[in-house]
């Protein structure tokens, strides 16, 4: 791992000392799972189950906070099995799906979800015409239940298609009272009022967290980074980790630590587990 400053090193040391009361929040795509052309094949890093099990025994809780539906993440990550293994260890695992609109925990074992937002069905019906006008008719449209995601990664010039689509999809979303969440060759359309930062705040309040680490890779993680920075201002030990790639670097200036993709995230979590165990 690469610290961005001496402050980053100090913050890591503070987090280690407070590990038993820390919550570790993790994005899924690009952080726990490599980015792939077909998001339905984005399986979690092969070492993640063991790494998360070891980590969860040293901290207050581990939470996967993602834009994906919770059920999809549970299946792609094998996280229900991880929750089963933690049952006897007095450790908790959470999944906040669709930016926090859905929730699952290893204690409750069920997904709690609201109804789809008003306007989403109408948006999706009109989206086909927008894609044709942007010469992106072959973009993959993913219906997430509470959101719709338009993926350009499979198109011949994915970046150019993304740039053409972003304003058009944004205008259509606004028309139907929805918001857009740009990502790495994906534009997600969903309701306002919930984001990853609010999921961070909910975890801190409910678990009385004494420290917080968040690791992410993309623009959809900015609100979580901002929420953790606010916790820092309130005196909590915190650490912000960027899972860096050649495609997206917006989080690097906000981070205390930069690692190389999911492999680097695994290395960091292993190190944190070992250091917390030694300090405890």
C-alpha atoms as a PDB file:
ATOM      1  CA  UNK A   1       0.000   0.000   0.000  1.00  0.00           C
ATOM      2  CA  UNK A   2       1.110   3.556  -0.678  1.00  0.00           C
ATOM      3  CA  UNK A   3       0.373   6.307   1.818  1.00  0.00           C
ATOM      4  CA  UNK A   4      -0.411   9.640   0.203  1.00  0.00           C
ATOM      5  CA  UNK A   5       1.172  11.598   3.077  1.00  0.00           C
ATOM      6  CA  UNK A   6       2.614  11.274   6.566  1.00  0.00           C
ATOM      7  CA  UNK A   7      -0.916  12.013   7.795  1.00  0.00           C
ATOM      8  CA  UNK A   8      -2.003   8.815   6.057  1.00  0.00           C
ATOM      9  CA  UNK A   9       0.560   6.792   8.000  1.00  0.00           C
ATOM     10  CA  UNK A  10      -0.570   8.381  11.262  1.00  0.00           C
ATOM     11  CA  UNK A  11      -4.227   7.726  10.493  1.00  0.00           C
ATOM     12  CA  UNK A  12      -3.504   4.080   9.740  1.00  0.00           C
ATOM     13  CA  UNK A  13      -1.755   3.701  13.092  1.00  0.00           C
ATOM     14  CA  UNK A  14      -4.701   5.358  14.874  1.00  0.00           C
ATOM     15  CA  UNK A  15      -7.134   3.026  13.128  1.00  0.00           C
ATOM     16  CA  UNK A  16      -5.120  -0.026  14.188  1.00  0.00           C
ATOM     17  CA  UNK A  17      -5.256   1.087  17.821  1.00  0.00           C
ATOM     18  CA  UNK A  18      -9.048   1.526  17.579  1.00  0.00           C
ATOM     19  CA  UNK A  19      -9.621  -1.620  15.477  1.00  0.00           C
ATOM     20  CA  UNK A  20     -11.896  -3.398  17.945  1.00  0.00           C
ATOM     21  CA  UNK A  21     -14.433  -0.572  17.569  1.00  0.00           C
ATOM     22  CA  UNK A  22     -13.850   0.061  13.872  1.00  0.00           C
ATOM     23  CA  UNK A  23     -16.255  -0.501  11.000  1.00  0.00           C
ATOM     24  CA  UNK A  24     -14.675  -1.400   7.655  1.00  0.00           C
ATOM     25  CA  UNK A  25     -16.769  -0.299   4.660  1.00  0.00           C
ATOM     26  CA  UNK A  26     -15.966  -1.712   1.231  1.00  0.00           C
ATOM     27  CA  UNK A  27     -17.267  -1.025  -2.255  1.00  0.00           C
ATOM     28  CA  UNK A  28     -17.749  -4.122  -4.431  1.00  0.00           C
ATOM     29  CA  UNK A  29     -16.878  -3.518  -8.109  1.00  0.00           C
ATOM     30  CA  UNK A  30     -13.283  -2.409  -8.535  1.00  0.00           C
ATOM     31  CA  UNK A  31     -12.622  -2.864  -4.821  1.00  0.00           C
ATOM     32  CA  UNK A  32     -13.565  -6.418  -3.860  1.00  0.00           C
ATOM     33  CA  UNK A  33     -14.170  -7.629  -7.411  1.00  0.00           C
ATOM     34  CA  UNK A  34     -12.274  -6.795 -10.620  1.00  0.00           C
ATOM     35  CA  UNK A  35     -14.068  -4.667 -13.221  1.00  0.00           C
ATOM     36  CA  UNK A  36     -15.167  -6.866 -16.139  1.00  0.00           C
ATOM     37  CA  UNK A  37     -17.104  -6.291 -19.364  1.00  0.00           C
ATOM     38  CA  UNK A  38     -20.088  -8.301 -18.113  1.00  0.00           C
ATOM     39  CA  UNK A  39     -21.037  -7.130 -14.582  1.00  0.00           C
ATOM     40  CA  UNK A  40     -22.893 -10.392 -13.988  1.00  0.00           C
ATOM     41  CA  UNK A  41     -19.529 -12.164 -14.087  1.00  0.00           C
ATOM     42  CA  UNK A  42     -17.818  -9.830 -11.622  1.00  0.00           C
ATOM     43  CA  UNK A  43     -17.045 -12.415  -8.991  1.00  0.00           C
ATOM     44  CA  UNK A  44     -15.358 -11.376  -5.790  1.00  0.00           C
ATOM     45  CA  UNK A  45     -11.578 -11.759  -5.456  1.00  0.00           C
ATOM     46  CA  UNK A  46     -10.732 -15.411  -4.817  1.00  0.00           C
ATOM     47  CA  UNK A  47      -9.137 -14.624  -1.440  1.00  0.00           C
ATOM     48  CA  UNK A  48     -11.856 -12.277  -0.233  1.00  0.00           C
ATOM     49  CA  UNK A  49     -13.906 -14.761   1.809  1.00  0.00           C
ATOM     50  CA  UNK A  50     -10.944 -15.782   3.951  1.00  0.00           C
ATOM     51  CA  UNK A  51      -9.671 -12.209   4.220  1.00  0.00           C
ATOM     52  CA  UNK A  52     -13.070 -10.859   5.298  1.00  0.00           C
ATOM     53  CA  UNK A  53     -13.527 -13.675   7.813  1.00  0.00           C
ATOM     54  CA  UNK A  54     -10.187 -12.929   9.454  1.00  0.00           C
ATOM     55  CA  UNK A  55     -10.789  -9.188   9.412  1.00  0.00           C
ATOM     56  CA  UNK A  56     -14.298  -9.399  10.871  1.00  0.00           C
ATOM     57  CA  UNK A  57     -12.929 -11.125  13.964  1.00  0.00           C
ATOM     58  CA  UNK A  58     -10.706  -8.120  14.709  1.00  0.00           C
ATOM     59  CA  UNK A  59     -13.108  -5.217  14.065  1.00  0.00           C
ATOM     60  CA  UNK A  60     -16.629  -4.220  15.121  1.00  0.00           C
ATOM     61  CA  UNK A  61     -18.164  -4.981  11.720  1.00  0.00           C
ATOM     62  CA  UNK A  62     -17.490  -5.297   8.001  1.00  0.00           C
ATOM     63  CA  UNK A  63     -19.935  -3.748   5.533  1.00  0.00           C
ATOM     64  CA  UNK A  64     -20.093  -4.030   1.750  1.00  0.00           C
ATOM     65  CA  UNK A  65     -21.648  -0.786   0.489  1.00  0.00           C
ATOM     66  CA  UNK A  66     -22.418  -0.986  -3.213  1.00  0.00           C
ATOM     67  CA  UNK A  67     -24.561   0.275  -6.053  1.00  0.00           C
ATOM     68  CA  UNK A  68     -25.422  -3.308  -6.986  1.00  0.00           C
ATOM     69  CA  UNK A  69     -28.577  -5.024  -5.734  1.00  0.00           C
ATOM     70  CA  UNK A  70     -27.925  -6.736  -2.405  1.00  0.00           C
ATOM     71  CA  UNK A  71     -29.000 -10.167  -3.682  1.00  0.00           C
ATOM     72  CA  UNK A  72     -26.574  -9.939  -6.587  1.00  0.00           C
ATOM     73  CA  UNK A  73     -23.677  -9.063  -4.288  1.00  0.00           C
ATOM     74  CA  UNK A  74     -24.520 -11.837  -1.844  1.00  0.00           C
ATOM     75  CA  UNK A  75     -24.472 -14.346  -4.705  1.00  0.00           C
ATOM     76  CA  UNK A  76     -21.395 -13.040  -6.543  1.00  0.00           C
ATOM     77  CA  UNK A  77     -19.466 -12.679  -3.303  1.00  0.00           C
ATOM     78  CA  UNK A  78     -20.559 -15.833  -1.507  1.00  0.00           C
ATOM     79  CA  UNK A  79     -21.256 -13.499   1.392  1.00  0.00           C
ATOM     80  CA  UNK A  80     -24.053 -15.525   2.951  1.00  0.00           C
ATOM     81  CA  UNK A  81     -21.518 -18.293   3.536  1.00  0.00           C
ATOM     82  CA  UNK A  82     -19.151 -15.746   5.095  1.00  0.00           C
ATOM     83  CA  UNK A  83     -22.002 -14.651   7.376  1.00  0.00           C
ATOM     84  CA  UNK A  84     -22.623 -18.281   8.370  1.00  0.00           C
ATOM     85  CA  UNK A  85     -18.977 -18.689   9.319  1.00  0.00           C
ATOM     86  CA  UNK A  86     -19.081 -15.529  11.434  1.00  0.00           C
ATOM     87  CA  UNK A  87     -22.135 -16.644  13.404  1.00  0.00           C
ATOM     88  CA  UNK A  88     -20.017 -18.304  16.090  1.00  0.00           C
ATOM     89  CA  UNK A  89     -17.386 -15.566  16.173  1.00  0.00           C
ATOM     90  CA  UNK A  90     -19.526 -12.714  17.522  1.00  0.00           C
ATOM     91  CA  UNK A  91     -18.718 -10.747  14.351  1.00  0.00           C
ATOM     92  CA  UNK A  92     -21.096  -8.959  11.989  1.00  0.00           C
ATOM     93  CA  UNK A  93     -21.229  -8.611   8.214  1.00  0.00           C
ATOM     94  CA  UNK A  94     -23.529  -6.136   6.462  1.00  0.00           C
ATOM     95  CA  UNK A  95     -24.460  -5.578   2.836  1.00  0.00           C
ATOM     96  CA  UNK A  96     -25.935  -2.219   1.824  1.00  0.00           C
ATOM     97  CA  UNK A  97     -27.186  -2.616  -1.740  1.00  0.00           C
ATOM     98  CA  UNK A  98     -28.258   0.004  -4.286  1.00  0.00           C
ATOM     99  CA  UNK A  99     -26.365   2.787  -2.496  1.00  0.00           C
ATOM    100  CA  UNK A 100     -27.944   1.899   0.849  1.00  0.00           C
ATOM    101  CA  UNK A 101     -31.568   1.480  -0.232  1.00  0.00           C
ATOM    102  CA  UNK A 102     -31.333  -2.268   0.425  1.00  0.00           C
ATOM    103  CA  UNK A 103     -29.938  -3.854   3.553  1.00  0.00           C
ATOM    104  CA  UNK A 104     -28.866  -7.332   4.660  1.00  0.00           C
ATOM    105  CA  UNK A 105     -26.939  -8.484   7.706  1.00  0.00           C
ATOM    106  CA  UNK A 106     -25.510 -11.762   8.923  1.00  0.00           C
ATOM    107  CA  UNK A 107     -27.812 -11.393  11.929  1.00  0.00           C
ATOM    108  CA  UNK A 108     -31.151 -10.714  10.214  1.00  0.00           C
ATOM    109  CA  UNK A 109     -30.403 -12.911   7.140  1.00  0.00           C
ATOM    110  CA  UNK A 110     -32.988 -11.150   4.973  1.00  0.00           C
ATOM    111  CA  UNK A 111     -32.932  -8.259   2.519  1.00  0.00           C
ATOM    112  CA  UNK A 112     -34.965  -5.197   3.464  1.00  0.00           C
ATOM    113  CA  UNK A 113     -35.853  -3.115   0.413  1.00  0.00           C
ATOM    114  CA  UNK A 114     -38.232  -0.267  -0.496  1.00  0.00           C
ATOM    115  CA  UNK A 115     -40.472  -0.175  -3.554  1.00  0.00           C
ATOM    116  CA  UNK A 116     -39.077   0.995  -6.921  1.00  0.00           C
ATOM    117  CA  UNK A 117     -39.122   4.795  -7.274  1.00  0.00           C
ATOM    118  CA  UNK A 118     -41.906   6.553  -9.151  1.00  0.00           C
ATOM    119  CA  UNK A 119     -40.892   7.451 -12.677  1.00  0.00           C
ATOM    120  CA  UNK A 120     -38.415   4.591 -13.138  1.00  0.00           C
ATOM    121  CA  UNK A 121     -40.686   2.496 -15.371  1.00  0.00           C
ATOM    122  CA  UNK A 122     -41.499   5.503 -17.573  1.00  0.00           C
ATOM    123  CA  UNK A 123     -37.812   6.388 -17.773  1.00  0.00           C
ATOM    124  CA  UNK A 124     -36.949   2.886 -18.926  1.00  0.00           C
ATOM    125  CA  UNK A 125     -39.641   2.901 -21.615  1.00  0.00           C
ATOM    126  CA  UNK A 126     -38.268   6.140 -23.092  1.00  0.00           C
ATOM    127  CA  UNK A 127     -34.623   5.136 -22.754  1.00  0.00           C
ATOM    128  CA  UNK A 128     -34.613   3.076 -25.981  1.00  0.00           C
ATOM    129  CA  UNK A 129     -35.178   6.204 -28.071  1.00  0.00           C
ATOM    130  CA  UNK A 130     -32.386   8.061 -26.265  1.00  0.00           C
ATOM    131  CA  UNK A 131     -29.958   5.228 -26.937  1.00  0.00           C
ATOM    132  CA  UNK A 132     -30.822   5.241 -30.643  1.00  0.00           C
ATOM    133  CA  UNK A 133     -30.328   9.006 -30.911  1.00  0.00           C
ATOM    134  CA  UNK A 134     -26.910   8.695 -29.259  1.00  0.00           C
ATOM    135  CA  UNK A 135     -25.848   5.910 -31.652  1.00  0.00           C
ATOM    136  CA  UNK A 136     -25.651   3.589 -28.646  1.00  0.00           C
ATOM    137  CA  UNK A 137     -28.560   1.241 -29.267  1.00  0.00           C
ATOM    138  CA  UNK A 138     -26.406  -1.750 -28.317  1.00  0.00           C
ATOM    139  CA  UNK A 139     -25.575  -0.415 -24.853  1.00  0.00           C
ATOM    140  CA  UNK A 140     -26.530  -2.922 -22.190  1.00  0.00           C
ATOM    141  CA  UNK A 141     -29.416  -1.731 -20.000  1.00  0.00           C
ATOM    142  CA  UNK A 142     -29.480  -3.391 -16.592  1.00  0.00           C
ATOM    143  CA  UNK A 143     -32.722  -3.302 -14.618  1.00  0.00           C
ATOM    144  CA  UNK A 144     -31.728  -3.356 -10.942  1.00  0.00           C
ATOM    145  CA  UNK A 145     -35.228  -3.147  -9.560  1.00  0.00           C
ATOM    146  CA  UNK A 146     -34.664   0.149  -7.738  1.00  0.00           C
ATOM    147  CA  UNK A 147     -32.478   1.619 -10.487  1.00  0.00           C
ATOM    148  CA  UNK A 148     -31.521   1.292 -14.140  1.00  0.00           C
ATOM    149  CA  UNK A 149     -27.897   1.151 -15.271  1.00  0.00           C
ATOM    150  CA  UNK A 150     -26.720   1.895 -18.818  1.00  0.00           C
ATOM    151  CA  UNK A 151     -23.396   0.181 -19.549  1.00  0.00           C
ATOM    152  CA  UNK A 152     -21.200   1.308 -22.448  1.00  0.00           C
ATOM    153  CA  UNK A 153     -18.211  -0.964 -21.760  1.00  0.00           C
ATOM    154  CA  UNK A 154     -19.210  -3.445 -24.490  1.00  0.00           C
ATOM    155  CA  UNK A 155     -19.545  -0.782 -27.214  1.00  0.00           C
ATOM    156  CA  UNK A 156     -16.730  -0.265 -29.781  1.00  0.00           C
ATOM    157  CA  UNK A 157     -15.717   3.143 -28.363  1.00  0.00           C
ATOM    158  CA  UNK A 158     -17.047   2.883 -24.826  1.00  0.00           C
ATOM    159  CA  UNK A 159     -15.667   6.197 -23.561  1.00  0.00           C
ATOM    160  CA  UNK A 160     -17.079   8.226 -26.464  1.00  0.00           C
ATOM    161  CA  UNK A 161     -20.465   6.507 -26.116  1.00  0.00           C
ATOM    162  CA  UNK A 162     -20.457   7.276 -22.396  1.00  0.00           C
ATOM    163  CA  UNK A 163     -19.806  10.968 -23.055  1.00  0.00           C
ATOM    164  CA  UNK A 164     -22.585  11.130 -25.662  1.00  0.00           C
ATOM    165  CA  UNK A 165     -25.067   9.414 -23.389  1.00  0.00           C
ATOM    166  CA  UNK A 166     -24.367  11.159 -20.107  1.00  0.00           C
ATOM    167  CA  UNK A 167     -26.183  14.455 -20.811  1.00  0.00           C
ATOM    168  CA  UNK A 168     -29.045  12.758 -22.670  1.00  0.00           C
ATOM    169  CA  UNK A 169     -29.664  10.177 -19.955  1.00  0.00           C
ATOM    170  CA  UNK A 170     -29.336  12.930 -17.359  1.00  0.00           C
ATOM    171  CA  UNK A 171     -32.031  15.014 -19.030  1.00  0.00           C
ATOM    172  CA  UNK A 172     -34.383  12.030 -19.256  1.00  0.00           C
ATOM    173  CA  UNK A 173     -33.759  11.164 -15.609  1.00  0.00           C
ATOM    174  CA  UNK A 174     -34.534  14.718 -14.522  1.00  0.00           C
ATOM    175  CA  UNK A 175     -37.763  14.646 -16.518  1.00  0.00           C
ATOM    176  CA  UNK A 176     -38.915  11.677 -14.427  1.00  0.00           C
ATOM    177  CA  UNK A 177     -37.717  12.994 -11.056  1.00  0.00           C
ATOM    178  CA  UNK A 178     -34.650  10.762 -10.905  1.00  0.00           C
ATOM    179  CA  UNK A 179     -30.903  11.358 -10.589  1.00  0.00           C
ATOM    180  CA  UNK A 180     -27.870   9.988 -12.426  1.00  0.00           C
ATOM    181  CA  UNK A 181     -24.803   8.370 -10.853  1.00  0.00           C
ATOM    182  CA  UNK A 182     -21.925   8.208 -13.382  1.00  0.00           C
ATOM    183  CA  UNK A 183     -19.355   5.449 -12.981  1.00  0.00           C
ATOM    184  CA  UNK A 184     -16.728   3.616 -15.011  1.00  0.00           C
ATOM    185  CA  UNK A 185     -18.486   3.239 -18.391  1.00  0.00           C
ATOM    186  CA  UNK A 186     -21.847   3.074 -16.645  1.00  0.00           C
ATOM    187  CA  UNK A 187     -24.598   5.600 -15.934  1.00  0.00           C
ATOM    188  CA  UNK A 188     -26.955   4.616 -13.153  1.00  0.00           C
ATOM    189  CA  UNK A 189     -30.373   6.231 -12.787  1.00  0.00           C
ATOM    190  CA  UNK A 190     -32.150   6.059  -9.446  1.00  0.00           C
ATOM    191  CA  UNK A 191     -34.132   8.054  -6.910  1.00  0.00           C
ATOM    192  CA  UNK A 192     -32.549  10.806  -4.857  1.00  0.00           C
ATOM    193  CA  UNK A 193     -32.388  10.788  -1.077  1.00  0.00           C
ATOM    194  CA  UNK A 194     -29.972   7.910  -0.515  1.00  0.00           C
ATOM    195  CA  UNK A 195     -26.247   7.503  -1.150  1.00  0.00           C
ATOM    196  CA  UNK A 196     -23.286   5.647   0.291  1.00  0.00           C
ATOM    197  CA  UNK A 197     -22.478   8.475   2.686  1.00  0.00           C
ATOM    198  CA  UNK A 198     -25.815   7.996   4.432  1.00  0.00           C
ATOM    199  CA  UNK A 199     -25.071   4.274   4.747  1.00  0.00           C
ATOM    200  CA  UNK A 200     -21.786   5.170   6.453  1.00  0.00           C
ATOM    201  CA  UNK A 201     -23.582   7.488   8.865  1.00  0.00           C
ATOM    202  CA  UNK A 202     -26.218   4.828   9.634  1.00  0.00           C
ATOM    203  CA  UNK A 203     -23.557   2.251  10.487  1.00  0.00           C
ATOM    204  CA  UNK A 204     -21.716   4.635  12.781  1.00  0.00           C
ATOM    205  CA  UNK A 205     -24.899   5.560  14.636  1.00  0.00           C
ATOM    206  CA  UNK A 206     -26.270   2.030  14.981  1.00  0.00           C
ATOM    207  CA  UNK A 207     -22.995   0.363  15.964  1.00  0.00           C
ATOM    208  CA  UNK A 208     -21.566   3.268  17.976  1.00  0.00           C
ATOM    209  CA  UNK A 209     -18.462   2.915  15.846  1.00  0.00           C
ATOM    210  CA  UNK A 210     -15.226   4.229  17.262  1.00  0.00           C
ATOM    211  CA  UNK A 211     -13.373   4.290  13.922  1.00  0.00           C
ATOM    212  CA  UNK A 212     -14.119   3.875  10.227  1.00  0.00           C
ATOM    213  CA  UNK A 213     -12.260   2.699   7.131  1.00  0.00           C
ATOM    214  CA  UNK A 214     -13.787   3.008   3.694  1.00  0.00           C
ATOM    215  CA  UNK A 215     -12.309   1.645   0.469  1.00  0.00           C
ATOM    216  CA  UNK A 216     -13.706   2.518  -2.958  1.00  0.00           C
ATOM    217  CA  UNK A 217     -12.681   3.072  -6.545  1.00  0.00           C
ATOM    218  CA  UNK A 218     -15.172   5.294  -8.345  1.00  0.00           C
ATOM    219  CA  UNK A 219     -17.284   8.455  -8.390  1.00  0.00           C
ATOM    220  CA  UNK A 220     -20.141   6.608  -6.688  1.00  0.00           C
ATOM    221  CA  UNK A 221     -17.943   6.398  -3.580  1.00  0.00           C
ATOM    222  CA  UNK A 222     -17.386  10.137  -3.214  1.00  0.00           C
ATOM    223  CA  UNK A 223     -20.267  10.626  -0.759  1.00  0.00           C
ATOM    224  CA  UNK A 224     -18.891   7.823   1.410  1.00  0.00           C
ATOM    225  CA  UNK A 225     -15.466   9.479   1.375  1.00  0.00           C
ATOM    226  CA  UNK A 226     -17.064  12.780   2.361  1.00  0.00           C
ATOM    227  CA  UNK A 227     -19.003  11.143   5.199  1.00  0.00           C
ATOM    228  CA  UNK A 228     -15.826   9.520   6.537  1.00  0.00           C
ATOM    229  CA  UNK A 229     -13.977  12.850   6.279  1.00  0.00           C
ATOM    230  CA  UNK A 230     -16.763  14.385   8.366  1.00  0.00           C
ATOM    231  CA  UNK A 231     -16.312  11.649  10.979  1.00  0.00           C
ATOM    232  CA  UNK A 232     -12.628  12.589  11.069  1.00  0.00           C
ATOM    233  CA  UNK A 233     -13.551  16.190  11.804  1.00  0.00           C
ATOM    234  CA  UNK A 234     -15.648  14.897  14.711  1.00  0.00           C
ATOM    235  CA  UNK A 235     -12.639  13.129  16.181  1.00  0.00           C
ATOM    236  CA  UNK A 236     -13.011   9.516  14.999  1.00  0.00           C
ATOM    237  CA  UNK A 237      -9.953   7.658  13.702  1.00  0.00           C
ATOM    238  CA  UNK A 238     -10.550   7.111   9.990  1.00  0.00           C
ATOM    239  CA  UNK A 239      -8.804   5.835   6.887  1.00  0.00           C
ATOM    240  CA  UNK A 240      -9.778   6.456   3.252  1.00  0.00           C
ATOM    241  CA  UNK A 241      -8.500   3.922   0.732  1.00  0.00           C
ATOM    242  CA  UNK A 242      -8.544   4.283  -3.058  1.00  0.00           C
ATOM    243  CA  UNK A 243      -8.529   1.100  -5.116  1.00  0.00           C
ATOM    244  CA  UNK A 244      -6.823   2.763  -8.054  1.00  0.00           C
ATOM    245  CA  UNK A 245      -7.039   1.944 -11.755  1.00  0.00           C
ATOM    246  CA  UNK A 246      -6.001   3.499 -15.042  1.00  0.00           C
ATOM    247  CA  UNK A 247      -9.671   4.321 -15.785  1.00  0.00           C
ATOM    248  CA  UNK A 248     -10.597   6.432 -12.761  1.00  0.00           C
ATOM    249  CA  UNK A 249      -8.475   8.560 -10.416  1.00  0.00           C
ATOM    250  CA  UNK A 250     -10.961  10.986  -8.859  1.00  0.00           C
ATOM    251  CA  UNK A 251     -10.594   9.451  -5.391  1.00  0.00           C
ATOM    252  CA  UNK A 252      -6.797   9.583  -5.264  1.00  0.00           C
ATOM    253  CA  UNK A 253      -6.566  13.191  -3.950  1.00  0.00           C
ATOM    254  CA  UNK A 254      -9.130  12.363  -1.237  1.00  0.00           C
ATOM    255  CA  UNK A 255      -7.360   9.215  -0.039  1.00  0.00           C
ATOM    256  CA  UNK A 256      -4.931   8.373   2.749  1.00  0.00           C
ATOM    257  CA  UNK A 257      -3.840   5.146   1.056  1.00  0.00           C
ATOM    258  CA  UNK A 258      -3.739   4.122  -2.605  1.00  0.00           C
ATOM    259  CA  UNK A 259      -3.631   0.446  -3.577  1.00  0.00           C
ATOM    260  CA  UNK A 260      -3.664  -1.353  -6.928  1.00  0.00           C
ATOM    261  CA  UNK A 261      -7.164  -2.709  -7.440  1.00  0.00           C
ATOM    262  CA  UNK A 262      -8.774  -5.611  -5.565  1.00  0.00           C
ATOM    263  CA  UNK A 263      -5.429  -7.392  -5.141  1.00  0.00           C
ATOM    264  CA  UNK A 264      -4.081  -4.339  -3.329  1.00  0.00           C
ATOM    265  CA  UNK A 265      -7.237  -4.129  -1.219  1.00  0.00           C
ATOM    266  CA  UNK A 266      -6.732  -7.743  -0.116  1.00  0.00           C
ATOM    267  CA  UNK A 267      -3.133  -6.977   0.864  1.00  0.00           C
ATOM    268  CA  UNK A 268      -4.186  -3.940   2.871  1.00  0.00           C
ATOM    269  CA  UNK A 269      -6.941  -5.835   4.723  1.00  0.00           C
ATOM    270  CA  UNK A 270      -4.529  -8.662   5.520  1.00  0.00           C
ATOM    271  CA  UNK A 271      -2.058  -6.139   6.924  1.00  0.00           C
ATOM    272  CA  UNK A 272      -4.756  -4.399   8.942  1.00  0.00           C
ATOM    273  CA  UNK A 273      -5.903  -7.729  10.388  1.00  0.00           C
ATOM    274  CA  UNK A 274      -2.366  -8.702  11.375  1.00  0.00           C
ATOM    275  CA  UNK A 275      -1.571  -5.305  12.888  1.00  0.00           C
ATOM    276  CA  UNK A 276      -4.866  -5.180  14.805  1.00  0.00           C
ATOM    277  CA  UNK A 277      -4.269  -8.684  16.182  1.00  0.00           C
ATOM    278  CA  UNK A 278      -0.756  -7.753  17.284  1.00  0.00           C
ATOM    279  CA  UNK A 279      -1.955  -4.522  18.902  1.00  0.00           C
ATOM    280  CA  UNK A 280      -4.874  -6.203  20.643  1.00  0.00           C
END
